[in-house]
Amino acid sequence: MRLPCLGVIVGLVLWAGTALAALSPNGQLALEQARLAAGRQRWAEVPALLALPLQEDPQHVEAHALLGMADLAGGRLPSAVQRLSWVCARQPGEAVYRLALAKALWASGHRPEARTQAGYAAQLAPGDPNAQAFLREVSEAAAPLAPGTAPGSAQPPPALPAGAPDSSAPPAGGFPTSAGSPALAGSSSGSGGEASDGAPPPAAPAGPGTATLLLRRLAGEIAAHPARDLEILTQAVLATPELVVQPGWETLYRRAAEPRQAVRDEVLRRFLRWRSGDLAAEEFSTWFLTLSLPLETWRKDPLLASLVAPLEEGGVHPLARFFRPKEEDPEDWASALPGPAQEAFLNGRYEVAWAFVTDLQQPDSPQWHYVAARLALELWQTQGEAEDWLARARQHLQQALGPHRWQEEASLLLAEVEDRWTRLQSR
């Protein structure tokens, strides 16, 4: 079987990668070496170079994208499809990951699914000639393969692995069962079907036919409860993120894709669009800034609350407006900053503003603690969500509950920060 050329997309995959600050200096170096090897098409070297990064962060998206491409280059097609399906579920808005998955599906003989992913890639990156060229290639190809026929073979194509209909057996060595399981120690150099160790755990490990049966069950539930279609689909995607890369997902999802008038329903609809690759993270974040949905609603609605973590992991910030000031509002907390600190803050020099605020300590003033907490949250957001800034914000909010202008907002914000802190400490 002729495998697709990877050189045309590897540079873009490396550009789209997300090297996490959690990696140690040695881990960062190993990741850079893996990128370099991939850029030179030396795929056999990539798995061993990624051993340390994936040991430090078993769910590092870029590392798994590179491993998926190494599996594809080495002819380990079931593993490539499985790994890249997981990557696309974690980063649904990245066109280069969709394109890599499309190439893996095409090489596996799953042409309809490959066309679907190629279409997503072209839609997400209308200016990318590689995505457009591959979409044209798969669209202009001969009629789809007859059922049970793989390219260049009389044998049926390998079943799509976990995260796709009729998943294949786990790759050699099995999957880790949690994010804390050991990462890969290397990759098999065998032919198609042998997989690299350390693949990310599917959100809901599936046996043969499980994904197809799940989609059928969801269709039945929606038919029985049409007013709850968005809730049903959202809960399913939260439980099994890989559903959005199934060939039957698009038909089901399109039935619920019409705009809604209720704010909550529109949040769910756009969440599904984002997960399906139809809505960019930046556009989704901007829309949330205009949303008139109180913070208390996010806290008390279990389904909405469950969206926050996966949205933020994907680069969408649904609660950003509760953390960022509206500079034109005279009643905003930034108006309480002392003159030099306010000037520094409005110019984006948050660390300078922090220095001024901490120099003017007023430990007995709840309002001073609230302003300090808001500034710490700004620094937390702009410095890669560093844990120490969230800890400082939490400490100040705990002392900001006395009477002052923003007492009610301080209470709501503390609840949100405590929730984030609990999730962070439980990782």
Protein backbone atom coordinates (compact mmCIF):
# COMPACT_ATOMS: atom_id res chain seq x y z
CA MET A 1 0.00 0.00 0.00
CA ARG A 2 1.32 3.42 -0.88
CA LEU A 3 1.49 5.62 2.20
CA PRO A 4 0.86 9.36 1.88
CA CYS A 5 3.78 11.74 1.87
CA LEU A 6 4.18 13.27 5.31
CA GLY A 7 6.68 15.95 4.42
CA VAL A 8 4.06 18.41 3.23
CA ILE A 9 2.37 18.57 6.62
CA VAL A 10 5.02 17.77 9.21
CA GLY A 11 6.24 21.37 9.40
CA LEU A 12 2.73 22.60 10.07
CA VAL A 13 2.17 19.92 12.69
CA LEU A 14 5.28 21.07 14.51
CA TRP A 15 4.09 24.67 14.27
CA ALA A 16 0.72 23.72 15.75
CA GLY A 17 2.27 21.68 18.57
CA THR A 18 1.74 22.58 22.17
CA ALA A 19 4.96 22.19 24.15
CA LEU A 20 3.70 22.38 27.70
CA ALA A 21 5.50 24.30 30.41
CA ALA A 22 5.14 21.19 32.62
CA LEU A 23 8.03 19.50 30.80
CA SER A 24 11.44 19.59 32.45
CA PRO A 25 14.39 21.13 30.57
CA ASN A 26 15.45 17.62 29.53
CA GLY A 27 11.92 16.85 28.44
CA GLN A 28 11.78 20.05 26.38
CA LEU A 29 15.12 19.17 24.78
CA ALA A 30 13.92 15.67 23.90
CA LEU A 31 10.78 17.13 22.35
CA GLU A 32 12.84 19.54 20.26
CA GLN A 33 15.00 16.64 19.09
CA ALA A 34 11.88 14.69 18.14
CA ARG A 35 10.63 17.68 16.16
CA LEU A 36 13.95 17.90 14.36
CA ALA A 37 13.93 14.19 13.54
CA ALA A 38 10.37 14.47 12.23
CA GLY A 39 11.29 17.48 10.13
CA ARG A 40 14.07 15.41 8.55
CA GLN A 41 11.68 12.48 7.96
CA ARG A 42 13.72 10.27 10.35
CA TRP A 43 10.58 8.74 11.80
CA ALA A 44 12.25 5.65 13.26
CA GLU A 45 14.03 7.91 15.77
CA VAL A 46 10.93 9.77 16.92
CA PRO A 47 9.39 7.25 19.41
CA ALA A 48 12.55 6.85 21.49
CA LEU A 49 13.04 10.63 21.61
CA LEU A 50 9.50 11.09 22.90
CA ALA A 51 9.90 8.63 25.76
CA LEU A 52 10.87 11.29 28.32
CA PRO A 53 8.28 13.93 27.31
CA LEU A 54 5.49 11.35 27.50
CA GLN A 55 6.79 10.01 30.80
CA GLU A 56 6.53 13.53 32.22
CA ASP A 57 3.20 14.30 30.54
CA PRO A 58 1.40 11.17 29.27
CA GLN A 59 -1.24 13.32 27.55
CA HIS A 60 1.04 15.73 25.71
CA VAL A 61 -0.90 16.43 22.52
CA GLU A 62 1.99 17.39 20.25
CA ALA A 63 4.02 14.36 21.32
CA HIS A 64 1.15 12.04 20.48
CA ALA A 65 0.62 13.81 17.15
CA LEU A 66 4.26 13.15 16.26
CA LEU A 67 3.95 9.54 17.40
CA GLY A 68 0.83 9.12 15.29
CA MET A 69 2.73 10.37 12.25
CA ALA A 70 5.63 8.05 13.07
CA ASP A 71 3.18 5.16 13.23
CA LEU A 72 1.77 6.20 9.87
CA ALA A 73 5.22 6.44 8.29
CA GLY A 74 6.10 3.02 9.71
CA GLY A 75 2.95 1.40 8.35
CA ARG A 76 1.35 0.90 11.78
CA LEU A 77 -1.97 2.15 10.49
CA PRO A 78 -4.41 1.06 13.23
CA SER A 79 -2.19 2.69 15.84
CA ALA A 80 -1.83 5.84 13.72
CA VAL A 81 -5.60 6.19 13.33
CA GLN A 82 -6.20 5.56 17.01
CA ARG A 83 -3.58 7.99 18.23
CA LEU A 84 -4.51 10.76 15.78
CA SER A 85 -8.21 10.30 16.59
CA TRP A 86 -7.37 10.96 20.23
CA VAL A 87 -5.30 14.00 19.28
CA CYS A 88 -8.18 15.44 17.22
CA ALA A 89 -10.59 14.85 20.09
CA ARG A 90 -8.30 16.84 22.40
CA GLN A 91 -7.60 19.60 19.86
CA PRO A 92 -10.61 19.60 17.51
CA GLY A 93 -9.83 23.01 16.05
CA GLU A 94 -6.35 22.18 14.70
CA ALA A 95 -6.49 21.72 10.94
CA VAL A 96 -3.07 20.08 10.75
CA TYR A 97 -4.10 17.32 13.14
CA ARG A 98 -7.29 16.73 11.15
CA LEU A 99 -5.22 16.53 7.98
CA ALA A 100 -2.85 13.98 9.53
CA LEU A 101 -5.82 11.87 10.64
CA ALA A 102 -7.34 12.12 7.16
CA LYS A 103 -4.11 10.80 5.64
CA ALA A 104 -3.99 7.92 8.12
CA LEU A 105 -7.61 6.98 7.40
CA TRP A 106 -7.02 7.20 3.65
CA ALA A 107 -3.98 4.94 3.88
CA SER A 108 -6.04 2.50 5.97
CA GLY A 109 -8.67 2.21 3.26
CA HIS A 110 -11.36 4.12 5.18
CA ARG A 111 -12.09 6.55 2.39
CA PRO A 112 -15.44 8.06 3.48
CA GLU A 113 -14.02 8.82 6.93
CA ALA A 114 -10.87 10.27 5.34
CA ARG A 115 -12.97 12.57 3.15
CA THR A 116 -14.86 13.77 6.25
CA GLN A 117 -11.65 14.64 8.10
CA ALA A 118 -10.09 16.22 5.01
CA GLY A 119 -13.19 18.39 4.71
CA TYR A 120 -12.83 19.51 8.32
CA ALA A 121 -9.16 20.33 7.76
CA ALA A 122 -9.93 22.39 4.65
CA GLN A 123 -12.73 24.21 6.44
CA LEU A 124 -10.55 25.02 9.45
CA ALA A 125 -7.67 26.23 7.28
CA PRO A 126 -9.10 27.67 4.05
CA GLY A 127 -5.74 29.25 3.21
CA ASP A 128 -3.66 26.09 3.67
CA PRO A 129 -2.75 24.71 0.21
CA ASN A 130 -1.86 21.30 1.66
CA ALA A 131 -5.31 20.82 3.21
CA GLN A 132 -7.04 22.06 0.06
CA ALA A 133 -4.89 19.86 -2.20
CA PHE A 134 -5.55 16.72 -0.15
CA LEU A 135 -9.29 17.44 -0.09
CA ARG A 136 -9.25 17.74 -3.87
CA GLU A 137 -7.27 14.50 -4.12
CA VAL A 138 -9.70 12.47 -2.04
CA SER A 139 -12.74 14.13 -3.60
CA GLU A 140 -11.58 13.48 -7.15
CA ALA A 141 -10.48 9.91 -6.46
CA ALA A 142 -12.31 7.00 -7.95
CA ALA A 143 -15.54 5.79 -6.40
CA PRO A 144 -15.26 4.62 -2.78
CA LEU A 145 -13.91 1.14 -2.23
CA ALA A 146 -16.41 -1.65 -2.36
CA PRO A 147 -17.27 -2.91 1.13
CA GLY A 148 -14.56 -5.19 2.44
CA THR A 149 -11.87 -4.11 -0.02
CA ALA A 150 -8.67 -2.35 0.95
CA PRO A 151 -6.40 -0.51 -1.47
CA GLY A 152 -4.15 -2.94 -3.33
CA SER A 153 -5.46 -5.92 -1.45
CA ALA A 154 -8.25 -8.46 -1.56
CA GLN A 155 -8.46 -8.33 2.22
CA PRO A 156 -10.90 -6.07 4.09
CA PRO A 157 -9.41 -2.87 5.51
CA PRO A 158 -8.37 -3.07 9.16
CA ALA A 159 -11.16 -2.11 11.50
CA LEU A 160 -10.93 1.40 12.86
CA PRO A 161 -9.36 1.30 16.35
CA ALA A 162 -10.83 2.57 19.60
CA GLY A 163 -12.39 5.96 19.10
CA ALA A 164 -13.83 4.84 15.77
CA PRO A 165 -16.51 2.31 14.72
CA ASP A 166 -15.66 -1.37 15.14
CA SER A 167 -12.41 -0.75 16.96
CA SER A 168 -9.50 -3.13 16.69
CA ALA A 169 -7.77 -4.83 19.56
CA PRO A 170 -5.44 -2.69 21.71
CA PRO A 171 -1.95 -2.27 20.28
CA ALA A 172 0.95 -4.36 21.52
CA GLY A 173 1.66 -3.58 25.16
CA GLY A 174 -1.86 -2.29 25.78
CA PHE A 175 -2.98 1.18 26.80
CA PRO A 176 -2.35 2.96 30.08
CA THR A 177 -5.53 3.13 32.10
CA SER A 178 -5.07 6.66 33.38
CA ALA A 179 -3.13 9.83 32.79
CA GLY A 180 -0.73 8.71 35.49
CA SER A 181 0.17 5.42 33.84
CA PRO A 182 3.66 4.93 32.46
CA ALA A 183 4.28 6.61 29.13
CA LEU A 184 5.88 4.89 26.19
CA ALA A 185 9.25 3.30 26.52
CA GLY A 186 9.74 3.02 22.79
CA SER A 187 7.98 1.95 19.62
CA SER A 188 7.76 -1.30 17.80
CA SER A 189 9.59 -1.28 14.53
CA GLY A 190 7.32 -3.94 13.11
CA SER A 191 4.97 -3.60 10.19
CA GLY A 192 1.38 -2.42 10.14
CA GLY A 193 -0.70 -3.19 13.18
CA GLU A 194 2.11 -3.07 15.78
CA ALA A 195 1.77 0.11 17.75
CA SER A 196 3.95 2.38 19.79
CA ASP A 197 3.55 1.96 23.53
CA GLY A 198 2.10 4.79 25.58
CA ALA A 199 -0.93 5.72 23.49
CA PRO A 200 -3.28 8.01 25.38
CA PRO A 201 -6.17 6.23 27.05
CA PRO A 202 -9.40 6.51 25.08
CA ALA A 203 -12.04 8.40 27.08
CA ALA A 204 -14.28 5.35 26.82
CA PRO A 205 -12.44 2.22 25.68
CA ALA A 206 -14.63 0.55 23.12
CA GLY A 207 -14.95 -2.99 21.91
CA PRO A 208 -15.98 -3.94 18.38
CA GLY A 209 -19.03 -2.02 17.28
CA THR A 210 -19.36 -0.01 20.50
CA ALA A 211 -19.12 3.40 18.83
CA THR A 212 -21.72 2.50 16.21
CA LEU A 213 -24.07 1.14 18.86
CA LEU A 214 -23.59 4.27 20.97
CA LEU A 215 -24.49 6.53 18.06
CA ARG A 216 -27.61 4.47 17.41
CA ARG A 217 -28.59 4.69 21.07
CA LEU A 218 -28.12 8.46 21.02
CA ALA A 219 -30.31 8.74 17.92
CA GLY A 220 -33.00 6.79 19.74
CA GLU A 221 -32.79 8.98 22.83
CA ILE A 222 -33.04 12.14 20.75
CA ALA A 223 -36.06 10.76 18.89
CA ALA A 224 -37.73 10.06 22.23
CA HIS A 225 -36.73 13.40 23.79
CA PRO A 226 -36.21 15.92 20.95
CA ALA A 227 -36.24 18.91 23.32
CA ARG A 228 -33.17 17.51 25.07
CA ASP A 229 -31.15 16.82 21.93
CA LEU A 230 -28.31 19.19 22.84
CA GLU A 231 -28.05 17.88 26.40
CA ILE A 232 -27.97 14.28 25.18
CA LEU A 233 -25.23 14.96 22.63
CA THR A 234 -23.18 17.11 25.01
CA GLN A 235 -23.21 14.51 27.75
CA ALA A 236 -22.18 11.86 25.25
CA VAL A 237 -19.25 13.93 23.94
CA LEU A 238 -18.07 14.73 27.46
CA ALA A 239 -18.07 11.02 28.28
CA THR A 240 -16.56 9.91 24.95
CA PRO A 241 -14.71 12.75 23.17
CA GLU A 242 -13.73 10.42 20.28
CA LEU A 243 -17.36 10.32 19.14
CA VAL A 244 -16.81 13.50 17.12
CA VAL A 245 -14.47 11.69 14.71
CA GLN A 246 -16.94 8.91 13.94
CA PRO A 247 -18.40 8.86 10.41
CA GLY A 248 -21.93 8.66 11.83
CA TRP A 249 -21.44 11.63 14.17
CA GLU A 250 -21.87 14.36 11.58
CA THR A 251 -25.36 13.22 10.58
CA LEU A 252 -26.49 13.13 14.19
CA TYR A 253 -24.83 16.41 15.10
CA ARG A 254 -26.20 18.33 12.11
CA ARG A 255 -29.75 17.63 13.23
CA ALA A 256 -29.08 19.67 16.37
CA ALA A 257 -26.96 22.38 14.73
CA GLU A 258 -29.61 25.06 14.23
CA PRO A 259 -29.12 28.23 16.38
CA ARG A 260 -31.13 28.32 19.61
CA GLN A 261 -32.74 31.22 21.42
CA ALA A 262 -32.17 29.98 24.98
CA VAL A 263 -28.70 31.04 26.16
CA ARG A 264 -27.95 27.70 27.80
CA ASP A 265 -28.91 25.78 24.66
CA GLU A 266 -26.76 28.06 22.54
CA VAL A 267 -23.77 27.38 24.80
CA LEU A 268 -24.29 23.64 24.31
CA ARG A 269 -24.78 24.02 20.55
CA ARG A 270 -21.57 26.00 20.15
CA PHE A 271 -19.70 23.54 22.36
CA LEU A 272 -20.70 20.76 19.98
CA ARG A 273 -19.68 22.89 16.98
CA TRP A 274 -16.29 23.52 18.57
CA ARG A 275 -15.77 19.86 19.42
CA SER A 276 -16.71 18.91 15.85
CA GLY A 277 -14.18 21.33 14.36
CA ASP A 278 -16.74 23.82 13.00
CA LEU A 279 -15.89 26.64 15.41
CA ALA A 280 -12.44 28.05 16.15
CA ALA A 281 -11.34 28.42 19.78
CA GLU A 282 -10.65 32.15 19.36
CA GLU A 283 -14.12 32.80 17.96
CA PHE A 284 -15.72 30.75 20.72
CA SER A 285 -13.79 32.63 23.43
CA THR A 286 -14.79 35.98 21.93
CA TRP A 287 -18.44 34.95 21.92
CA PHE A 288 -18.26 34.06 25.61
CA LEU A 289 -17.12 37.62 26.38
CA THR A 290 -20.49 38.88 25.11
CA LEU A 291 -22.54 36.26 26.92
CA SER A 292 -24.96 37.44 29.62
CA LEU A 293 -24.78 34.31 31.72
CA PRO A 294 -24.10 34.89 35.45
CA LEU A 295 -21.20 33.14 37.12
CA GLU A 296 -23.66 31.66 39.60
CA THR A 297 -25.42 29.86 36.75
CA TRP A 298 -22.15 28.23 35.71
CA ARG A 299 -21.64 27.07 39.28
CA LYS A 300 -25.14 25.66 39.87
CA ASP A 301 -25.78 24.02 36.48
CA PRO A 302 -23.92 20.65 36.54
CA LEU A 303 -23.81 20.31 32.75
CA LEU A 304 -22.48 23.83 32.18
CA ALA A 305 -19.96 23.40 34.99
CA SER A 306 -18.69 20.20 33.37
CA LEU A 307 -17.89 22.11 30.17
CA VAL A 308 -15.35 24.46 31.76
CA ALA A 309 -12.40 22.06 32.09
CA PRO A 310 -12.49 20.61 28.53
CA LEU A 311 -13.06 24.08 27.07
CA GLU A 312 -10.05 25.56 28.83
CA GLU A 313 -7.90 22.55 27.93
CA GLY A 314 -8.79 23.29 24.31
CA GLY A 315 -7.91 26.99 24.52
CA VAL A 316 -11.45 28.32 25.05
CA HIS A 317 -12.03 30.51 28.12
CA PRO A 318 -15.75 30.58 28.94
CA LEU A 319 -15.30 32.49 32.20
CA ALA A 320 -12.74 35.03 31.03
CA ARG A 321 -15.10 37.97 31.41
CA PHE A 322 -15.39 37.26 35.14
CA PHE A 323 -11.62 37.53 35.49
CA ARG A 324 -10.82 40.45 33.17
CA PRO A 325 -11.83 44.05 33.86
CA LYS A 326 -13.85 46.20 31.52
CA GLU A 327 -11.53 49.15 31.40
CA GLU A 328 -14.26 51.56 30.36
CA ASP A 329 -16.35 50.77 33.46
CA PRO A 330 -15.68 53.33 36.23
CA GLU A 331 -17.01 50.84 38.79
CA ASP A 332 -14.51 48.21 37.72
CA TRP A 333 -12.01 46.87 40.25
CA ALA A 334 -9.10 48.33 38.24
CA SER A 335 -10.36 51.78 39.20
CA ALA A 336 -9.31 50.99 42.78
CA LEU A 337 -5.67 50.48 41.82
CA PRO A 338 -3.32 53.24 42.98
CA GLY A 339 -2.29 55.66 40.22
CA PRO A 340 1.06 54.13 39.14
CA ALA A 341 -0.32 50.60 39.45
CA GLN A 342 -3.38 51.47 37.35
CA GLU A 343 -1.22 53.01 34.63
CA ALA A 344 1.02 49.93 34.54
CA PHE A 345 -2.02 47.64 34.47
CA LEU A 346 -3.69 49.45 31.57
CA ASN A 347 -0.41 49.23 29.65
CA GLY A 348 -0.29 45.47 30.17
CA ARG A 349 2.64 45.57 32.62
CA TYR A 350 0.95 43.41 35.23
CA GLU A 351 4.06 42.48 37.20
CA VAL A 352 4.89 46.17 37.68
CA ALA A 353 1.32 46.78 38.82
CA TRP A 354 1.66 43.88 41.25
CA ALA A 355 4.81 45.38 42.72
CA PHE A 356 3.01 48.69 43.37
CA VAL A 357 0.01 46.96 44.95
CA THR A 358 2.10 44.76 47.26
CA ASP A 359 4.19 47.76 48.31
CA LEU A 360 0.99 49.40 49.58
CA GLN A 361 -0.13 46.48 51.71
CA GLN A 362 -3.39 46.91 53.59
CA PRO A 363 -3.88 43.49 55.22
CA ASP A 364 -6.97 44.63 57.14
CA SER A 365 -8.80 45.86 54.02
CA PRO A 366 -11.06 43.30 52.27
CA GLN A 367 -11.17 45.58 49.22
CA TRP A 368 -7.37 45.67 48.98
CA HIS A 369 -7.32 41.85 49.14
CA TYR A 370 -9.95 41.69 46.40
CA VAL A 371 -7.99 44.01 44.10
CA ALA A 372 -4.80 42.05 44.78
CA ALA A 373 -6.64 38.80 44.01
CA ARG A 374 -7.94 40.14 40.69
CA LEU A 375 -4.47 41.27 39.70
CA ALA A 376 -3.05 37.87 40.68
CA LEU A 377 -5.63 36.22 38.44
CA GLU A 378 -4.57 38.45 35.55
CA LEU A 379 -0.99 37.29 36.10
CA TRP A 380 -2.18 33.69 36.39
CA GLN A 381 -3.83 33.95 32.97
CA THR A 382 -1.00 35.76 31.22
CA GLN A 383 1.75 33.52 32.64
CA GLY A 384 0.44 30.19 31.45
CA GLU A 385 -1.87 29.58 34.41
CA ALA A 386 1.04 29.17 36.80
CA GLU A 387 -0.07 27.51 40.03
CA ASP A 388 1.65 30.02 42.33
CA TRP A 389 -0.45 32.92 40.98
CA LEU A 390 -3.67 30.97 41.46
CA ALA A 391 -2.55 30.21 45.02
CA ARG A 392 -1.96 33.92 45.72
CA ALA A 393 -5.35 34.84 44.26
CA ARG A 394 -7.02 32.20 46.42
CA GLN A 395 -5.31 33.46 49.60
CA HIS A 396 -6.36 37.06 48.93
CA LEU A 397 -9.95 36.11 48.04
CA GLN A 398 -10.27 34.22 51.32
CA GLN A 399 -9.59 37.54 53.08
CA ALA A 400 -11.78 39.62 50.75
CA LEU A 401 -15.16 38.51 52.07
CA GLY A 402 -15.74 41.46 54.40
CA PRO A 403 -17.80 44.52 53.45
CA HIS A 404 -16.59 46.41 50.36
CA ARG A 405 -17.84 47.47 46.93
CA TRP A 406 -17.28 44.07 45.28
CA GLN A 407 -18.12 41.81 48.23
CA GLU A 408 -20.68 39.71 46.31
CA GLU A 409 -18.39 39.22 43.32
CA ALA A 410 -15.54 38.26 45.68
CA SER A 411 -17.68 35.47 47.12
CA LEU A 412 -18.61 34.12 43.69
CA LEU A 413 -15.06 34.38 42.44
CA LEU A 414 -13.69 32.58 45.48
CA ALA A 415 -16.04 29.66 44.82
CA GLU A 416 -14.81 29.43 41.24
CA VAL A 417 -11.15 29.65 42.25
CA GLU A 418 -11.63 27.03 44.98
CA ASP A 419 -13.14 24.71 42.37
CA ARG A 420 -10.19 25.26 40.03
CA TRP A 421 -7.75 24.77 42.90
CA THR A 422 -9.40 21.48 43.91
CA ARG A 423 -9.23 20.18 40.33
CA LEU A 424 -5.60 21.24 40.06
CA GLN A 425 -4.59 19.52 43.28
CA SER A 426 -6.40 16.31 42.31
CA ARG A 427 -4.35 15.86 39.13
